[in-house]
N, C-alpha and C. Protein backbone atom coordinates (compact mmCIF):
# COMPACT_ATOMS: atom_id res chain seq x y z
N UNK A 1 -19.63 11.19 21.58
CA UNK A 1 -19.11 11.65 22.85
C UNK A 1 -19.04 13.17 22.87
N UNK A 2 -19.49 13.75 23.98
CA UNK A 2 -19.43 15.21 24.09
C UNK A 2 -17.99 15.66 24.31
N UNK A 3 -17.63 16.75 23.68
CA UNK A 3 -16.28 17.28 23.84
C UNK A 3 -16.12 17.92 25.22
N UNK A 4 -14.93 17.76 25.78
CA UNK A 4 -14.65 18.41 27.07
C UNK A 4 -14.40 19.90 26.86
N UNK A 5 -13.64 20.22 25.80
CA UNK A 5 -13.41 21.62 25.42
C UNK A 5 -13.65 21.73 23.92
N UNK A 6 -14.38 22.77 23.52
CA UNK A 6 -14.64 22.95 22.09
C UNK A 6 -14.57 24.42 21.73
N UNK A 7 -13.84 24.71 20.65
CA UNK A 7 -13.82 26.04 20.07
C UNK A 7 -14.71 26.04 18.84
N UNK A 8 -15.64 27.00 18.78
CA UNK A 8 -16.57 27.07 17.66
C UNK A 8 -16.43 28.42 16.98
N UNK A 9 -15.91 28.40 15.73
CA UNK A 9 -15.79 29.60 14.89
C UNK A 9 -15.11 30.76 15.64
N UNK A 10 -13.99 30.43 16.28
CA UNK A 10 -13.30 31.40 17.13
C UNK A 10 -12.32 32.24 16.30
N UNK A 11 -12.40 33.55 16.50
CA UNK A 11 -11.40 34.47 15.94
C UNK A 11 -10.84 35.31 17.09
N UNK A 12 -9.54 35.62 16.98
CA UNK A 12 -8.90 36.40 18.05
C UNK A 12 -7.79 37.24 17.47
N UNK A 13 -7.79 38.53 17.80
CA UNK A 13 -6.68 39.40 17.45
C UNK A 13 -6.02 39.85 18.75
N UNK A 14 -4.75 40.20 18.65
CA UNK A 14 -4.01 40.64 19.83
C UNK A 14 -3.08 41.76 19.40
N UNK A 15 -3.29 42.93 20.01
CA UNK A 15 -2.48 44.11 19.67
C UNK A 15 -2.49 44.38 18.16
N UNK A 16 -3.66 44.20 17.56
CA UNK A 16 -3.82 44.51 16.14
C UNK A 16 -3.42 43.40 15.19
N UNK A 17 -2.88 42.30 15.73
CA UNK A 17 -2.45 41.18 14.89
C UNK A 17 -3.47 40.04 14.98
N UNK A 18 -3.82 39.48 13.82
CA UNK A 18 -4.70 38.32 13.81
C UNK A 18 -3.93 37.11 14.33
N UNK A 19 -4.53 36.40 15.29
CA UNK A 19 -3.91 35.17 15.81
C UNK A 19 -4.70 33.96 15.33
N UNK A 20 -6.03 34.02 15.47
CA UNK A 20 -6.89 32.94 14.99
C UNK A 20 -8.03 33.53 14.17
N UNK A 21 -8.42 32.79 13.12
CA UNK A 21 -9.48 33.26 12.24
C UNK A 21 -10.44 32.10 11.96
N UNK A 22 -11.63 32.16 12.56
CA UNK A 22 -12.70 31.19 12.32
C UNK A 22 -12.23 29.75 12.59
N UNK A 23 -11.71 29.54 13.79
CA UNK A 23 -11.18 28.23 14.19
C UNK A 23 -12.26 27.41 14.90
N UNK A 24 -12.40 26.17 14.48
CA UNK A 24 -13.27 25.22 15.18
C UNK A 24 -12.48 23.95 15.43
N UNK A 25 -12.41 23.54 16.70
CA UNK A 25 -11.67 22.33 17.06
C UNK A 25 -12.22 21.81 18.39
N UNK A 26 -12.20 20.49 18.56
CA UNK A 26 -12.78 19.90 19.77
C UNK A 26 -11.78 18.94 20.40
N UNK A 27 -11.82 18.86 21.72
CA UNK A 27 -10.94 17.99 22.49
C UNK A 27 -11.80 17.09 23.37
N UNK A 28 -11.66 15.78 23.20
CA UNK A 28 -12.47 14.82 23.94
C UNK A 28 -11.81 14.42 25.25
N UNK A 29 -12.64 13.99 26.17
CA UNK A 29 -12.16 13.59 27.49
C UNK A 29 -11.32 12.31 27.40
N UNK A 30 -10.28 12.24 28.23
CA UNK A 30 -9.50 11.02 28.35
C UNK A 30 -8.46 10.82 27.27
N UNK A 31 -8.23 11.82 26.44
CA UNK A 31 -7.23 11.71 25.38
C UNK A 31 -6.10 12.71 25.61
N UNK A 32 -4.99 12.46 24.93
CA UNK A 32 -3.85 13.38 24.99
C UNK A 32 -3.68 14.03 23.62
N UNK A 33 -3.64 15.36 23.62
CA UNK A 33 -3.54 16.13 22.39
C UNK A 33 -2.27 16.97 22.40
N UNK A 34 -1.63 17.07 21.25
CA UNK A 34 -0.47 17.93 21.09
C UNK A 34 -0.79 19.10 20.19
N UNK A 35 -0.19 20.25 20.50
CA UNK A 35 -0.34 21.44 19.67
C UNK A 35 1.06 21.88 19.24
N UNK A 36 1.26 22.02 17.94
CA UNK A 36 2.55 22.49 17.41
C UNK A 36 2.34 23.80 16.66
N UNK A 37 3.34 24.64 16.73
CA UNK A 37 3.29 25.89 15.97
C UNK A 37 4.52 26.70 16.28
N UNK A 38 4.94 27.54 15.35
CA UNK A 38 6.13 28.36 15.60
C UNK A 38 5.90 29.34 16.74
N UNK A 39 7.00 29.87 17.28
CA UNK A 39 6.89 30.90 18.32
C UNK A 39 6.06 32.06 17.80
N UNK A 40 5.16 32.55 18.64
CA UNK A 40 4.32 33.67 18.24
C UNK A 40 3.08 33.29 17.46
N UNK A 41 2.85 31.96 17.29
CA UNK A 41 1.68 31.53 16.50
C UNK A 41 0.39 31.53 17.30
N UNK A 42 0.48 31.67 18.62
CA UNK A 42 -0.75 31.77 19.42
C UNK A 42 -1.03 30.60 20.33
N UNK A 43 -0.03 29.75 20.59
CA UNK A 43 -0.28 28.58 21.44
C UNK A 43 -0.71 28.99 22.84
N UNK A 44 -0.01 29.96 23.42
CA UNK A 44 -0.36 30.40 24.78
C UNK A 44 -1.73 31.07 24.81
N UNK A 45 -2.04 31.86 23.77
CA UNK A 45 -3.36 32.51 23.71
C UNK A 45 -4.46 31.45 23.59
N UNK A 46 -4.22 30.42 22.80
CA UNK A 46 -5.18 29.31 22.68
C UNK A 46 -5.46 28.70 24.05
N UNK A 47 -4.39 28.42 24.80
CA UNK A 47 -4.56 27.80 26.12
C UNK A 47 -5.28 28.76 27.08
N UNK A 48 -4.97 30.05 26.98
CA UNK A 48 -5.64 31.02 27.85
C UNK A 48 -7.14 31.09 27.55
N UNK A 49 -7.50 30.94 26.28
CA UNK A 49 -8.93 30.90 25.94
C UNK A 49 -9.58 29.63 26.49
N UNK A 50 -8.86 28.49 26.41
CA UNK A 50 -9.39 27.24 26.94
C UNK A 50 -9.63 27.31 28.44
N UNK A 51 -8.82 28.11 29.12
CA UNK A 51 -8.92 28.20 30.58
C UNK A 51 -9.73 29.42 31.03
N UNK A 52 -10.31 30.13 30.07
CA UNK A 52 -11.17 31.28 30.33
C UNK A 52 -10.43 32.48 30.91
N UNK A 53 -9.11 32.54 30.71
CA UNK A 53 -8.36 33.73 31.10
C UNK A 53 -8.54 34.83 30.07
N UNK A 54 -8.79 34.41 28.81
CA UNK A 54 -8.94 35.33 27.68
C UNK A 54 -10.18 34.92 26.90
N UNK A 55 -10.96 35.89 26.46
CA UNK A 55 -12.16 35.59 25.68
C UNK A 55 -11.87 35.77 24.18
N UNK A 56 -12.51 34.95 23.33
CA UNK A 56 -12.36 35.19 21.89
C UNK A 56 -13.08 36.46 21.48
N UNK A 57 -12.63 37.08 20.39
CA UNK A 57 -13.33 38.26 19.86
C UNK A 57 -14.64 37.84 19.20
N UNK A 58 -14.59 36.70 18.52
CA UNK A 58 -15.76 36.15 17.83
C UNK A 58 -15.79 34.66 18.13
N UNK A 59 -16.98 34.08 18.18
CA UNK A 59 -17.10 32.64 18.40
C UNK A 59 -17.22 32.29 19.87
N UNK A 60 -17.11 31.02 20.14
CA UNK A 60 -17.38 30.52 21.49
C UNK A 60 -16.38 29.44 21.88
N UNK A 61 -15.94 29.48 23.13
CA UNK A 61 -15.16 28.40 23.72
C UNK A 61 -16.04 27.76 24.79
N UNK A 62 -16.45 26.51 24.57
CA UNK A 62 -17.33 25.85 25.53
C UNK A 62 -16.55 24.77 26.28
N UNK A 63 -16.86 24.66 27.57
CA UNK A 63 -16.22 23.70 28.46
C UNK A 63 -17.31 22.89 29.14
N UNK A 64 -17.09 21.59 29.24
CA UNK A 64 -18.05 20.71 29.91
C UNK A 64 -18.45 21.32 31.26
N UNK A 65 -19.75 21.41 31.50
CA UNK A 65 -20.27 22.12 32.68
C UNK A 65 -19.78 21.54 34.01
N UNK A 66 -19.35 20.28 34.01
CA UNK A 66 -18.83 19.68 35.25
C UNK A 66 -17.61 20.43 35.77
N UNK A 67 -16.91 21.11 34.86
CA UNK A 67 -15.67 21.77 35.24
C UNK A 67 -15.84 23.27 35.48
N UNK A 68 -17.08 23.73 35.43
CA UNK A 68 -17.31 25.16 35.59
C UNK A 68 -17.83 25.47 36.99
N UNK A 69 -17.35 26.57 37.54
CA UNK A 69 -17.76 27.01 38.86
C UNK A 69 -17.84 28.53 38.81
N UNK A 70 -19.02 29.06 39.05
CA UNK A 70 -19.22 30.50 38.92
C UNK A 70 -18.33 31.30 39.88
N UNK A 71 -17.86 30.65 40.94
CA UNK A 71 -17.03 31.37 41.92
C UNK A 71 -15.55 31.36 41.54
N UNK A 72 -15.17 30.50 40.60
CA UNK A 72 -13.76 30.37 40.25
C UNK A 72 -13.46 31.14 38.97
N UNK A 73 -12.23 31.65 38.87
CA UNK A 73 -11.89 32.45 37.68
C UNK A 73 -11.38 31.57 36.54
N UNK A 74 -11.16 30.29 36.82
CA UNK A 74 -10.84 29.36 35.73
C UNK A 74 -11.47 28.01 36.05
N UNK A 75 -11.59 27.11 35.07
CA UNK A 75 -12.29 25.85 35.30
C UNK A 75 -11.68 25.05 36.46
N UNK A 76 -12.56 24.44 37.25
CA UNK A 76 -12.07 23.63 38.37
C UNK A 76 -11.54 22.30 37.84
N UNK A 77 -10.67 21.71 38.61
CA UNK A 77 -10.07 20.41 38.28
C UNK A 77 -9.19 20.48 37.03
N UNK A 78 -8.68 21.68 36.71
CA UNK A 78 -7.71 21.87 35.64
C UNK A 78 -6.34 22.11 36.28
N UNK A 79 -5.33 21.37 35.82
CA UNK A 79 -3.95 21.67 36.17
C UNK A 79 -3.32 22.43 35.01
N UNK A 80 -2.75 23.60 35.29
CA UNK A 80 -2.39 24.52 34.22
C UNK A 80 -0.93 24.96 34.33
N UNK A 81 -0.19 24.84 33.22
CA UNK A 81 1.08 25.56 33.07
C UNK A 81 0.93 26.41 31.81
N UNK A 82 0.79 27.71 31.99
CA UNK A 82 0.79 28.60 30.82
C UNK A 82 1.89 29.62 31.07
N UNK A 83 1.55 30.72 31.73
CA UNK A 83 2.61 31.62 32.18
C UNK A 83 3.12 31.03 33.48
N UNK A 84 4.42 30.89 33.59
CA UNK A 84 4.97 30.26 34.78
C UNK A 84 4.53 31.03 36.01
N UNK A 85 4.10 30.32 37.06
CA UNK A 85 3.61 31.03 38.25
C UNK A 85 4.71 31.87 38.89
N UNK A 86 4.30 32.96 39.53
CA UNK A 86 5.28 33.78 40.23
C UNK A 86 5.71 33.09 41.52
N UNK A 87 6.99 32.81 41.63
CA UNK A 87 7.48 32.12 42.80
C UNK A 87 7.91 33.11 43.87
N UNK A 88 7.97 32.62 45.10
CA UNK A 88 8.51 33.40 46.20
C UNK A 88 10.00 33.06 46.24
N UNK A 89 10.86 33.96 45.77
CA UNK A 89 12.25 33.61 45.52
C UNK A 89 13.02 33.15 46.75
N UNK A 90 12.66 33.66 47.92
CA UNK A 90 13.43 33.34 49.12
C UNK A 90 12.87 32.14 49.88
N UNK A 91 11.95 31.41 49.25
CA UNK A 91 11.44 30.17 49.86
C UNK A 91 11.90 28.97 49.05
N UNK A 92 11.91 27.81 49.68
CA UNK A 92 12.32 26.58 49.00
C UNK A 92 11.21 26.11 48.06
N UNK A 93 11.53 25.12 47.23
CA UNK A 93 10.51 24.54 46.34
C UNK A 93 9.33 23.99 47.13
N UNK A 94 9.63 23.26 48.20
CA UNK A 94 8.56 22.70 49.03
C UNK A 94 7.69 23.82 49.61
N UNK A 95 8.33 24.87 50.12
CA UNK A 95 7.56 25.97 50.73
C UNK A 95 6.69 26.67 49.69
N UNK A 96 7.19 26.80 48.46
CA UNK A 96 6.39 27.40 47.40
C UNK A 96 5.16 26.55 47.08
N UNK A 97 5.35 25.24 46.95
CA UNK A 97 4.21 24.37 46.66
C UNK A 97 3.22 24.36 47.82
N UNK A 98 3.74 24.40 49.04
CA UNK A 98 2.85 24.44 50.22
C UNK A 98 2.01 25.71 50.22
N UNK A 99 2.65 26.82 49.80
CA UNK A 99 1.92 28.09 49.71
C UNK A 99 0.78 27.98 48.71
N UNK A 100 1.05 27.39 47.54
CA UNK A 100 0.00 27.20 46.53
C UNK A 100 -1.07 26.24 47.02
N UNK A 101 -0.65 25.18 47.71
CA UNK A 101 -1.60 24.18 48.21
C UNK A 101 -2.52 24.76 49.28
N UNK A 102 -2.04 25.79 49.99
CA UNK A 102 -2.84 26.35 51.09
C UNK A 102 -4.08 27.08 50.59
N UNK A 103 -4.11 27.40 49.28
CA UNK A 103 -5.28 28.11 48.73
C UNK A 103 -6.53 27.26 48.89
N UNK A 104 -6.42 25.97 48.54
CA UNK A 104 -7.57 25.07 48.72
C UNK A 104 -7.49 24.29 50.02
N UNK A 105 -6.28 24.20 50.55
CA UNK A 105 -6.07 23.55 51.84
C UNK A 105 -6.55 22.10 51.88
N UNK A 106 -6.35 21.36 50.79
CA UNK A 106 -6.76 19.95 50.82
C UNK A 106 -5.64 19.02 50.36
N UNK A 107 -4.38 19.52 50.41
CA UNK A 107 -3.24 18.69 50.04
C UNK A 107 -2.29 18.61 51.24
N UNK A 108 -1.96 17.41 51.62
CA UNK A 108 -1.08 17.22 52.78
C UNK A 108 0.38 17.47 52.41
N UNK A 109 1.20 17.68 53.45
CA UNK A 109 2.64 17.80 53.23
C UNK A 109 3.19 16.53 52.60
N UNK A 110 2.68 15.39 53.02
CA UNK A 110 3.13 14.11 52.47
C UNK A 110 2.88 14.04 50.97
N UNK A 111 1.72 14.56 50.53
CA UNK A 111 1.39 14.55 49.10
C UNK A 111 2.34 15.45 48.33
N UNK A 112 2.64 16.63 48.88
CA UNK A 112 3.57 17.54 48.22
C UNK A 112 4.94 16.88 48.08
N UNK A 113 5.40 16.23 49.14
CA UNK A 113 6.70 15.55 49.10
C UNK A 113 6.69 14.43 48.05
N UNK A 114 5.59 13.69 48.00
CA UNK A 114 5.47 12.58 47.04
C UNK A 114 5.57 13.09 45.60
N UNK A 115 4.87 14.18 45.31
CA UNK A 115 4.88 14.72 43.95
C UNK A 115 6.26 15.30 43.61
N UNK A 116 6.91 15.92 44.58
CA UNK A 116 8.26 16.44 44.32
C UNK A 116 9.22 15.30 43.98
N UNK A 117 9.11 14.20 44.71
CA UNK A 117 9.98 13.05 44.41
C UNK A 117 9.65 12.46 43.04
N UNK A 118 8.36 12.53 42.68
CA UNK A 118 7.93 12.01 41.37
C UNK A 118 8.64 12.75 40.23
N UNK A 119 8.86 14.05 40.41
CA UNK A 119 9.54 14.83 39.38
C UNK A 119 11.05 14.93 39.64
N UNK A 120 11.53 14.08 40.54
CA UNK A 120 12.97 14.01 40.86
C UNK A 120 13.51 15.28 41.51
N UNK A 121 12.73 15.84 42.43
CA UNK A 121 13.20 16.94 43.27
C UNK A 121 13.19 16.49 44.72
N UNK A 122 14.21 16.90 45.48
CA UNK A 122 14.29 16.55 46.89
C UNK A 122 13.45 17.54 47.70
N UNK A 123 12.37 17.06 48.36
CA UNK A 123 11.52 17.99 49.12
C UNK A 123 12.24 18.62 50.31
N UNK A 124 13.34 18.00 50.74
CA UNK A 124 14.08 18.52 51.89
C UNK A 124 15.20 19.49 51.50
N UNK A 125 15.33 19.75 50.20
CA UNK A 125 16.38 20.65 49.72
C UNK A 125 16.15 22.06 50.29
N UNK A 126 17.19 22.61 50.91
CA UNK A 126 17.06 23.92 51.57
C UNK A 126 17.37 25.09 50.62
N UNK A 127 17.74 24.77 49.40
CA UNK A 127 18.06 25.81 48.41
C UNK A 127 16.83 26.66 48.11
N UNK A 128 17.01 27.98 48.05
CA UNK A 128 15.90 28.89 47.74
C UNK A 128 15.62 28.84 46.24
N UNK A 129 14.36 29.11 45.89
CA UNK A 129 13.98 28.98 44.48
C UNK A 129 14.67 29.99 43.57
N UNK A 130 15.12 31.11 44.13
CA UNK A 130 15.85 32.08 43.29
C UNK A 130 17.15 31.48 42.77
N UNK A 131 17.65 30.44 43.43
CA UNK A 131 18.88 29.79 43.01
C UNK A 131 18.64 28.48 42.25
N UNK A 132 17.37 28.17 41.97
CA UNK A 132 17.04 26.97 41.18
C UNK A 132 17.46 27.18 39.73
N UNK A 133 17.84 26.10 39.07
CA UNK A 133 18.07 26.13 37.62
C UNK A 133 16.73 26.21 36.90
N UNK A 134 16.79 26.51 35.60
CA UNK A 134 15.56 26.55 34.78
C UNK A 134 14.84 25.20 34.84
N UNK A 135 15.61 24.11 34.74
CA UNK A 135 14.99 22.79 34.78
C UNK A 135 14.31 22.49 36.10
N UNK A 136 14.94 22.90 37.21
CA UNK A 136 14.34 22.68 38.54
C UNK A 136 13.05 23.49 38.68
N UNK A 137 13.06 24.73 38.18
CA UNK A 137 11.83 25.54 38.23
C UNK A 137 10.73 24.90 37.40
N UNK A 138 11.13 24.33 36.26
CA UNK A 138 10.14 23.66 35.40
C UNK A 138 9.52 22.47 36.13
N UNK A 139 10.34 21.72 36.85
CA UNK A 139 9.82 20.57 37.61
C UNK A 139 8.85 21.02 38.70
N UNK A 140 9.13 22.17 39.32
CA UNK A 140 8.19 22.71 40.31
C UNK A 140 6.86 23.07 39.64
N UNK A 141 6.94 23.66 38.42
CA UNK A 141 5.71 23.98 37.67
C UNK A 141 4.88 22.72 37.41
N UNK A 142 5.58 21.64 37.02
CA UNK A 142 4.87 20.39 36.73
C UNK A 142 4.27 19.82 38.01
N UNK A 143 5.04 19.85 39.10
CA UNK A 143 4.52 19.37 40.38
C UNK A 143 3.27 20.15 40.78
N UNK A 144 3.31 21.46 40.59
CA UNK A 144 2.15 22.29 40.92
C UNK A 144 0.93 21.93 40.07
N UNK A 145 1.18 21.59 38.78
CA UNK A 145 0.07 21.28 37.87
C UNK A 145 -0.59 19.94 38.18
N UNK A 146 0.17 19.00 38.79
CA UNK A 146 -0.40 17.65 39.00
C UNK A 146 -0.68 17.32 40.45
N UNK A 147 -0.28 18.19 41.41
CA UNK A 147 -0.32 17.77 42.81
C UNK A 147 -1.74 17.60 43.37
N UNK A 148 -2.73 18.21 42.73
CA UNK A 148 -4.11 18.03 43.20
C UNK A 148 -4.83 16.93 42.42
N UNK A 149 -4.07 16.15 41.63
CA UNK A 149 -4.63 15.03 40.86
C UNK A 149 -5.76 15.50 39.94
N UNK A 150 -5.49 16.62 39.25
CA UNK A 150 -6.51 17.23 38.39
C UNK A 150 -6.86 16.31 37.22
N UNK A 151 -8.10 16.44 36.75
CA UNK A 151 -8.61 15.60 35.66
C UNK A 151 -8.14 16.09 34.29
N UNK A 152 -7.88 17.40 34.18
CA UNK A 152 -7.51 17.99 32.89
C UNK A 152 -6.20 18.75 33.08
N UNK A 153 -5.24 18.48 32.20
CA UNK A 153 -3.95 19.17 32.26
C UNK A 153 -3.74 19.98 30.99
N UNK A 154 -3.51 21.28 31.15
CA UNK A 154 -3.24 22.20 30.04
C UNK A 154 -1.80 22.66 30.23
N UNK A 155 -0.89 22.13 29.41
CA UNK A 155 0.54 22.28 29.68
C UNK A 155 1.26 22.93 28.49
N UNK A 156 1.66 24.17 28.67
CA UNK A 156 2.38 24.89 27.62
C UNK A 156 3.88 24.64 27.80
N UNK A 157 4.48 23.91 26.86
CA UNK A 157 5.91 23.59 26.87
C UNK A 157 6.36 22.94 28.19
N UNK A 158 5.75 21.81 28.58
CA UNK A 158 6.13 21.20 29.86
C UNK A 158 7.56 20.66 29.89
N UNK A 159 8.19 20.49 28.71
CA UNK A 159 9.55 19.95 28.67
C UNK A 159 10.62 21.04 28.58
N UNK A 160 10.19 22.28 28.60
CA UNK A 160 11.12 23.40 28.44
C UNK A 160 12.16 23.41 29.57
N UNK A 161 13.43 23.45 29.20
CA UNK A 161 14.49 23.57 30.20
C UNK A 161 14.91 22.26 30.84
N UNK A 162 14.29 21.15 30.48
CA UNK A 162 14.62 19.87 31.10
C UNK A 162 15.75 19.18 30.34
N UNK A 163 16.63 18.49 31.09
CA UNK A 163 17.65 17.67 30.44
C UNK A 163 17.02 16.34 30.01
N UNK A 164 17.81 15.47 29.39
CA UNK A 164 17.27 14.22 28.84
C UNK A 164 16.58 13.40 29.92
N UNK A 165 17.22 13.32 31.09
CA UNK A 165 16.64 12.56 32.20
C UNK A 165 15.31 13.16 32.64
N UNK A 166 15.27 14.51 32.72
CA UNK A 166 14.04 15.20 33.12
C UNK A 166 12.92 14.98 32.12
N UNK A 167 13.26 15.03 30.83
CA UNK A 167 12.26 14.80 29.78
C UNK A 167 11.67 13.39 29.93
N UNK A 168 12.54 12.41 30.13
CA UNK A 168 12.05 11.03 30.27
C UNK A 168 11.17 10.87 31.50
N UNK A 169 11.54 11.53 32.59
CA UNK A 169 10.73 11.48 33.81
C UNK A 169 9.34 12.05 33.57
N UNK A 170 9.28 13.23 32.94
CA UNK A 170 7.99 13.89 32.72
C UNK A 170 7.15 13.11 31.71
N UNK A 171 7.80 12.57 30.68
CA UNK A 171 7.05 11.73 29.73
C UNK A 171 6.39 10.56 30.47
N UNK A 172 7.16 9.91 31.35
CA UNK A 172 6.63 8.76 32.08
C UNK A 172 5.45 9.17 32.98
N UNK A 173 5.58 10.33 33.62
CA UNK A 173 4.48 10.83 34.46
C UNK A 173 3.22 11.05 33.62
N UNK A 174 3.40 11.71 32.47
CA UNK A 174 2.24 12.03 31.63
C UNK A 174 1.62 10.77 31.03
N UNK A 175 2.45 9.81 30.64
CA UNK A 175 1.90 8.53 30.14
C UNK A 175 1.11 7.83 31.23
N UNK A 176 1.60 7.88 32.46
CA UNK A 176 0.87 7.28 33.57
C UNK A 176 -0.46 7.96 33.81
N UNK A 177 -0.48 9.29 33.73
CA UNK A 177 -1.73 10.03 33.91
C UNK A 177 -2.71 9.74 32.77
N UNK A 178 -2.16 9.62 31.57
CA UNK A 178 -3.01 9.29 30.41
C UNK A 178 -3.68 7.93 30.60
N UNK A 179 -2.92 6.95 31.09
CA UNK A 179 -3.48 5.62 31.33
C UNK A 179 -4.59 5.65 32.37
N UNK A 180 -4.52 6.63 33.27
CA UNK A 180 -5.55 6.78 34.31
C UNK A 180 -6.76 7.58 33.82
N UNK A 181 -6.75 7.94 32.52
CA UNK A 181 -7.92 8.60 31.95
C UNK A 181 -7.92 10.10 32.03
N UNK A 182 -6.78 10.70 32.38
CA UNK A 182 -6.71 12.16 32.42
C UNK A 182 -6.74 12.72 30.99
N UNK A 183 -7.27 13.91 30.85
CA UNK A 183 -7.23 14.62 29.57
C UNK A 183 -6.03 15.55 29.59
N UNK A 184 -5.17 15.44 28.58
CA UNK A 184 -3.93 16.23 28.55
C UNK A 184 -3.84 16.95 27.21
N UNK A 185 -3.62 18.25 27.27
CA UNK A 185 -3.40 19.05 26.07
C UNK A 185 -2.09 19.80 26.29
N UNK A 186 -1.12 19.57 25.39
CA UNK A 186 0.21 20.14 25.63
C UNK A 186 0.80 20.67 24.34
N UNK A 187 1.72 21.60 24.50
CA UNK A 187 2.51 22.08 23.36
C UNK A 187 3.94 21.59 23.52
N UNK A 188 4.59 21.38 22.40
CA UNK A 188 6.02 21.06 22.41
C UNK A 188 6.58 21.33 21.02
N UNK A 189 7.84 21.77 20.98
CA UNK A 189 8.53 21.92 19.70
C UNK A 189 9.17 20.61 19.27
N UNK A 190 9.14 19.62 20.17
CA UNK A 190 9.80 18.35 19.91
C UNK A 190 8.79 17.33 19.39
N UNK A 191 8.90 16.98 18.13
CA UNK A 191 7.97 16.03 17.51
C UNK A 191 7.95 14.70 18.27
N UNK A 192 9.11 14.28 18.77
CA UNK A 192 9.19 12.99 19.46
C UNK A 192 8.31 12.96 20.71
N UNK A 193 8.32 14.07 21.48
CA UNK A 193 7.46 14.14 22.67
C UNK A 193 6.00 13.88 22.29
N UNK A 194 5.57 14.54 21.22
CA UNK A 194 4.17 14.46 20.81
C UNK A 194 3.84 13.08 20.24
N UNK A 195 4.78 12.51 19.49
CA UNK A 195 4.55 11.17 18.93
C UNK A 195 4.39 10.12 20.04
N UNK A 196 5.19 10.25 21.09
CA UNK A 196 5.15 9.28 22.19
C UNK A 196 3.86 9.42 23.01
N UNK A 197 3.43 10.65 23.23
CA UNK A 197 2.36 10.90 24.20
C UNK A 197 0.96 11.01 23.61
N UNK A 198 0.86 11.53 22.38
CA UNK A 198 -0.44 12.07 21.95
C UNK A 198 -1.26 11.12 21.08
N UNK A 199 -2.58 11.20 21.28
CA UNK A 199 -3.53 10.50 20.41
C UNK A 199 -3.74 11.27 19.12
N UNK A 200 -3.61 12.59 19.19
CA UNK A 200 -3.79 13.44 18.00
C UNK A 200 -2.94 14.69 18.18
N UNK A 201 -2.46 15.21 17.06
CA UNK A 201 -1.63 16.42 17.08
C UNK A 201 -2.23 17.43 16.11
N UNK A 202 -2.32 18.68 16.55
CA UNK A 202 -2.82 19.77 15.72
C UNK A 202 -1.71 20.77 15.45
N UNK A 203 -1.76 21.37 14.28
CA UNK A 203 -0.80 22.40 13.90
C UNK A 203 -1.51 23.75 13.84
N UNK A 204 -0.85 24.78 14.36
CA UNK A 204 -1.33 26.15 14.17
C UNK A 204 -0.66 26.68 12.91
N UNK A 205 -1.47 27.00 11.90
CA UNK A 205 -0.92 27.38 10.60
C UNK A 205 -1.87 28.36 9.93
N UNK A 206 -1.35 29.52 9.57
CA UNK A 206 -2.16 30.52 8.86
C UNK A 206 -3.46 30.85 9.61
N UNK A 207 -3.33 31.08 10.90
CA UNK A 207 -4.45 31.48 11.78
C UNK A 207 -5.48 30.37 11.99
N UNK A 208 -5.17 29.16 11.53
CA UNK A 208 -6.09 28.03 11.69
C UNK A 208 -5.44 26.98 12.60
N UNK A 209 -6.26 26.04 13.10
CA UNK A 209 -5.76 24.87 13.82
C UNK A 209 -6.19 23.65 13.02
N UNK A 210 -5.19 22.95 12.48
CA UNK A 210 -5.51 21.85 11.56
C UNK A 210 -4.86 20.56 12.07
N UNK A 211 -5.50 19.41 11.81
CA UNK A 211 -4.89 18.13 12.22
C UNK A 211 -3.57 17.91 11.49
N UNK A 212 -2.57 17.42 12.21
CA UNK A 212 -1.32 17.02 11.57
C UNK A 212 -1.55 15.73 10.81
N UNK A 213 -1.14 15.71 9.60
CA UNK A 213 -1.33 14.49 8.76
C UNK A 213 -0.27 13.46 9.13
């Protein structure tokens, strides 16, 4: 089976520090992968390379051509949480998602409301996003990543800031997407999240990406 995303002999330095050194790893379609590593080990940089926001210094990051579009700055049909999107603080969660949806203009208000309810947010809530809790903002990030029913999800710390109920909700959403054949690559500091969701887990260790035994 051809890999959906593959890193071949990739090396990357950032501000003079080595992050990755001669890394080769492949991610197949329809599977869920976990990435573990301490803070500062390069998880976000790895995801940025996968999404073509950042280029490796050496080596190649290849993506299945079905997901490439010369007019787009990142692969199409990818749902991404890396750096949290900049929100419009004086608008509601629904208004923020509608603003993002208007870029492609192919998501209805009903769909936005449905996805907000899926992550346990009230689409009719009049509270402005500047007054949202960290967990509520995280749920908006997840809603944004899945609302276009993307085939590939690249999720950096999707459980960050969520309470126990929120974690269980997001786990259930991701398990459902996995059953539908979506490809999911996520980071988490919580081993239990990865054990429940993932087909394979990789560790970032000593500038390498190695399978967790």
